[in-house]
Protein backbone atom coordinates (compact mmCIF):
# COMPACT_ATOMS: atom_id res chain seq x y z
CA MET A 1 0.00 0.00 0.00
CA TYR A 2 1.12 3.55 -0.69
CA SER A 3 1.75 5.86 2.25
CA ILE A 4 0.26 9.34 2.32
CA LYS A 5 3.76 10.76 1.75
CA ALA A 6 4.29 8.57 -1.33
CA LEU A 7 0.89 9.55 -2.79
CA THR A 8 1.63 13.23 -2.20
CA GLN A 9 4.97 12.96 -4.01
CA GLU A 10 3.27 11.14 -6.92
CA CYS A 11 0.66 13.90 -7.26
CA LEU A 12 3.33 16.62 -7.19
CA HIS A 13 5.28 14.80 -9.88
CA THR A 14 2.14 14.59 -12.08
CA VAL A 15 1.41 18.31 -11.66
CA LYS A 16 5.04 19.22 -12.41
CA GLN A 17 4.98 17.09 -15.57
CA ALA A 18 1.76 18.76 -16.69
CA LYS A 19 3.34 22.21 -16.26
CA ILE A 20 6.30 21.12 -18.38
CA ASP A 21 3.93 19.93 -21.17
CA VAL A 22 2.03 23.23 -21.14
CA ALA A 23 5.27 25.23 -21.31
CA SER A 24 6.46 23.07 -24.18
CA THR A 25 3.24 23.73 -26.03
CA LYS A 26 3.51 27.52 -25.58
CA LYS A 27 7.08 27.49 -26.90
CA GLY A 28 6.05 25.54 -29.99
CA GLY A 29 7.67 22.32 -28.82
CA ALA A 30 6.63 18.77 -29.58
CA GLY A 31 3.39 19.23 -27.67
CA ALA A 32 2.32 22.09 -29.94
CA ALA A 33 2.06 19.88 -33.01
CA GLY A 34 -0.18 17.46 -31.23
CA ARG A 35 -2.33 20.25 -29.79
CA SER A 36 -2.57 21.94 -33.18
CA ALA A 37 -3.71 18.67 -34.71
CA LEU A 38 -6.39 18.36 -32.06
CA ARG A 39 -7.55 21.93 -32.59
CA ALA A 40 -7.46 21.79 -36.39
CA PRO A 41 -11.01 21.98 -37.76
CA MET A 42 -12.31 18.90 -39.51
CA ALA A 43 -12.18 19.15 -43.26
CA ARG A 44 -15.67 19.98 -44.52
CA LYS A 45 -16.99 18.11 -47.47
CA LYS A 46 -17.67 20.47 -50.30
CA THR A 47 -21.26 20.44 -51.48
CA SER A 48 -22.60 21.94 -54.64
CA GLN A 49 -25.03 24.79 -54.03
CA VAL A 50 -27.66 25.76 -56.57
CA LEU A 51 -28.14 29.50 -56.35
CA PRO A 52 -31.54 30.96 -57.23
CA ASN A 53 -31.84 32.36 -60.71
CA PRO A 54 -32.73 36.06 -60.33
CA ALA A 55 -34.75 35.86 -63.54
CA LEU A 56 -37.12 33.30 -61.97
CA GLN A 57 -39.66 33.55 -59.17
CA LEU A 58 -38.27 30.36 -57.65
CA GLY A 59 -36.24 30.94 -54.51
CA ARG A 60 -37.57 34.39 -53.68
CA ALA A 61 -40.69 35.90 -52.14
CA THR A 62 -43.40 36.42 -54.73
CA ALA A 63 -46.83 37.94 -54.16
CA LEU A 64 -49.90 36.23 -55.54
CA PRO A 65 -50.78 37.88 -58.88
CA ALA A 66 -54.02 39.83 -58.90
CA SER A 67 -55.16 38.22 -62.15
CA PRO A 68 -54.04 35.64 -64.73
CA ASP A 69 -53.03 38.45 -67.08
CA GLU A 70 -50.60 39.81 -64.47
CA ALA A 71 -49.17 36.38 -63.62
CA VAL A 72 -45.73 35.51 -64.98
CA LEU A 73 -45.05 31.93 -66.08
CA ASP A 74 -41.42 30.87 -65.93
CA ARG A 75 -39.77 28.12 -67.94
CA VAL A 76 -36.53 26.23 -67.42
CA ASP A 77 -34.42 24.06 -69.70
CA ASN A 78 -35.52 20.46 -70.15
CA PRO A 79 -32.67 18.24 -68.87
CA HIS A 80 -33.71 15.44 -71.27
CA PRO A 81 -34.73 17.11 -74.54
CA ASP A 82 -33.82 13.97 -76.48
CA THR A 83 -36.28 11.81 -74.51
CA ASN A 84 -40.05 11.59 -74.80
CA TYR A 85 -41.65 11.51 -71.36
CA VAL A 86 -44.78 12.85 -69.67
CA ALA A 87 -44.78 15.45 -66.90
CA ARG A 88 -48.02 15.82 -64.96
CA PHE A 89 -49.36 18.61 -62.78
CA THR A 90 -52.49 18.16 -60.67
CA MET A 91 -54.44 21.04 -59.15
CA PRO A 92 -57.27 19.51 -57.08
CA GLU A 93 -58.52 22.77 -55.54
CA PHE A 94 -58.64 25.19 -58.46
CA THR A 95 -60.92 28.16 -57.82
CA ALA A 96 -62.36 30.80 -60.12
CA LEU A 97 -65.42 33.04 -60.13
CA CYS A 98 -68.57 32.84 -62.19
CA PRO A 99 -68.43 35.93 -64.46
CA ILE A 100 -72.18 36.46 -64.08
CA THR A 101 -72.94 35.86 -60.41
CA GLY A 102 -69.49 36.29 -58.87
CA GLN A 103 -69.98 33.00 -57.00
CA PRO A 104 -66.96 30.66 -56.65
CA ASP A 105 -66.43 27.77 -59.01
CA PHE A 106 -64.22 24.82 -58.12
CA ALA A 107 -62.37 22.37 -60.33
CA HIS A 108 -59.85 19.56 -60.34
CA PHE A 109 -57.26 20.16 -63.06
CA VAL A 110 -54.86 17.60 -64.51
CA ILE A 111 -52.22 18.82 -66.97
CA ASP A 112 -50.07 16.32 -68.91
CA TYR A 113 -47.41 17.29 -71.41
CA VAL A 114 -44.46 15.88 -73.32
CA PRO A 115 -41.74 18.55 -73.06
CA ASN A 116 -39.57 19.69 -75.92
CA LYS A 117 -36.85 22.18 -74.99
CA PHE A 118 -38.52 23.64 -71.90
CA LEU A 119 -40.30 22.73 -68.67
CA VAL A 120 -42.72 24.98 -66.85
CA GLU A 121 -41.35 26.04 -63.47
CA SER A 122 -43.78 24.70 -60.88
CA LYS A 123 -43.85 27.65 -58.47
CA SER A 124 -44.80 30.06 -61.24
CA LEU A 125 -47.47 27.61 -62.42
CA LYS A 126 -48.99 27.45 -58.94
CA LEU A 127 -49.06 31.24 -58.71
CA TYR A 128 -50.62 31.46 -62.16
CA LEU A 129 -53.34 28.93 -61.38
CA ASN A 130 -54.09 30.50 -58.01
CA SER A 131 -54.46 33.92 -59.64
CA PHE A 132 -57.80 32.72 -61.06
CA ARG A 133 -59.41 32.77 -57.60
CA ASN A 134 -60.58 36.37 -58.11
CA HIS A 135 -61.01 36.08 -61.86
CA GLY A 136 -64.41 35.80 -63.51
CA SER A 137 -64.46 33.26 -66.35
CA PHE A 138 -66.59 30.41 -67.64
CA HIS A 139 -65.37 26.84 -67.19
CA GLU A 140 -64.54 26.42 -70.86
CA ASP A 141 -62.61 29.68 -71.03
CA CYS A 142 -60.55 28.90 -67.91
CA THR A 143 -59.57 25.43 -69.06
CA VAL A 144 -58.69 26.26 -72.65
CA SER A 145 -56.92 29.53 -71.75
CA ILE A 146 -54.60 27.71 -69.35
CA GLY A 147 -53.77 25.09 -71.95
CA LYS A 148 -53.09 27.65 -74.69
CA ARG A 149 -50.85 29.76 -72.47
CA LEU A 150 -48.73 26.75 -71.54
CA VAL A 151 -48.42 25.73 -75.18
CA SER A 152 -47.38 29.26 -76.14
CA LEU A 153 -44.73 29.32 -73.41
CA LEU A 154 -43.31 25.82 -73.73
CA LYS A 155 -43.85 24.73 -77.35
CA PRO A 156 -44.25 21.15 -76.09
CA ARG A 157 -44.45 18.10 -78.32
CA TRP A 158 -47.87 17.40 -76.85
CA LEU A 159 -50.09 18.78 -74.09
CA ARG A 160 -53.51 18.02 -72.74
CA ILE A 161 -55.52 19.54 -69.92
CA GLY A 162 -58.56 18.10 -68.20
CA GLY A 163 -60.78 20.46 -66.23
CA TYR A 164 -63.15 18.53 -63.97
CA TRP A 165 -65.54 21.11 -62.59
CA TYR A 166 -67.80 20.67 -59.59
CA PRO A 167 -71.49 21.32 -60.26
CA ARG A 168 -73.20 24.64 -59.91
CA GLY A 169 -76.88 24.76 -60.70
CA GLY A 170 -77.02 20.98 -60.53
CA MET A 171 -74.80 20.24 -63.55
CA PRO A 172 -71.02 19.58 -63.60
CA ILE A 173 -69.11 20.66 -66.69
CA ASP A 174 -65.88 18.89 -67.65
CA VAL A 175 -63.64 20.49 -70.27
CA PHE A 176 -60.83 18.76 -72.21
CA TRP A 177 -58.30 20.32 -74.59
CA GLN A 178 -55.09 19.16 -76.18
CA ALA A 179 -52.47 20.36 -78.67
CA GLY A 180 -49.76 18.61 -80.63
CA LYS A 181 -49.35 14.92 -81.41
CA LEU A 182 -48.49 12.37 -78.76
CA PRO A 183 -45.21 10.65 -79.76
CA ASN A 184 -45.41 6.91 -80.34
CA GLY A 185 -44.59 4.69 -77.40
CA VAL A 186 -45.11 7.30 -74.68
CA TRP A 187 -46.88 6.05 -71.59
CA VAL A 188 -49.71 8.37 -70.59
CA PRO A 189 -51.63 7.18 -67.51
CA ASP A 190 -55.33 7.86 -67.23
CA GLN A 191 -56.00 11.16 -65.51
CA GLY A 192 -57.73 9.24 -62.75
CA VAL A 193 -60.56 11.68 -62.04
CA ALA A 194 -63.93 9.92 -61.86
CA PRO A 195 -67.06 11.52 -63.33
CA TYR A 196 -68.99 13.50 -60.72
CA ARG A 197 -71.50 11.33 -58.93
CA GLY A 198 -72.54 13.45 -55.98
CA ARG A 199 -72.68 11.80 -52.59
CA GLY A 200 -74.22 8.53 -53.80
């Protein structure tokens, strides 16, 4: 067993050795290299950062347009212009106003298109579609106008839009429009919206 005197001497020796190590570190001795290695920040893995394009609405605060005419639709380059594929947008809570009564009309929109050189940027499309909420227009005009504007912007190989409107006055009106020719071999799923059947 250690005596109290022996333990005291051992503790003093440990403290003295620690002071020597600290002094060596301050003078840039062997201990400094080890301490520097411990304090060196870990190398951070570089990650690619996609900066927002100032020409687009994506990535910055954008107010809801007051009307479809004021809305700006943005387009971006198609990353696969040599490939025929279908891109689909679904808007299940589209809202517009009846141009006669000012009462709200509701629709479920499904937009399918085969891109060519451009894609529609989705944030701008959402803002454009939501700008109809205070816009007075008949079902047919809303549906076809949206399709024509997208075709004018994108020049797609093919586009179709289905407007499935909820009934007002007891009668639902569904509107369908398409432009271009669907390329051979392209898989186009059914739009999946059942005819209106009420609560039954």
